[in-house]
Amino acid sequence: MKRKGTQRKVFVRGGGKIHKDDADHLIDLQLGGRDEFSHLWALDKSVNRSLGSQIMARIKQHGLKPGDKIKSVTIK
């Protein structure tokens, strides 16, 4: 997926209000989410970055490649 700019720029350009939080994809780009305003929300920076790292670790752990289908995700 090619990004349309930083999430923050896309979110603000679309009218979103953000202060100290990250603009985060509702469905992570790593999982096939879209990089557009309607799929962004404000999320605490530490939560966002922790979840992103956990997703990436699982992708690597299971040997997934771009385009592989993921049927479910469980966050504990």
Foldseek 3Di string as FASTA:
>chain_A
DDAPDALVVQQVVVPHDDDQFGWAFCQHVQQVTDRHNVRTDTDHNVVRVVVVVVVVVVCVVVVHDPPDHDDDDDDD
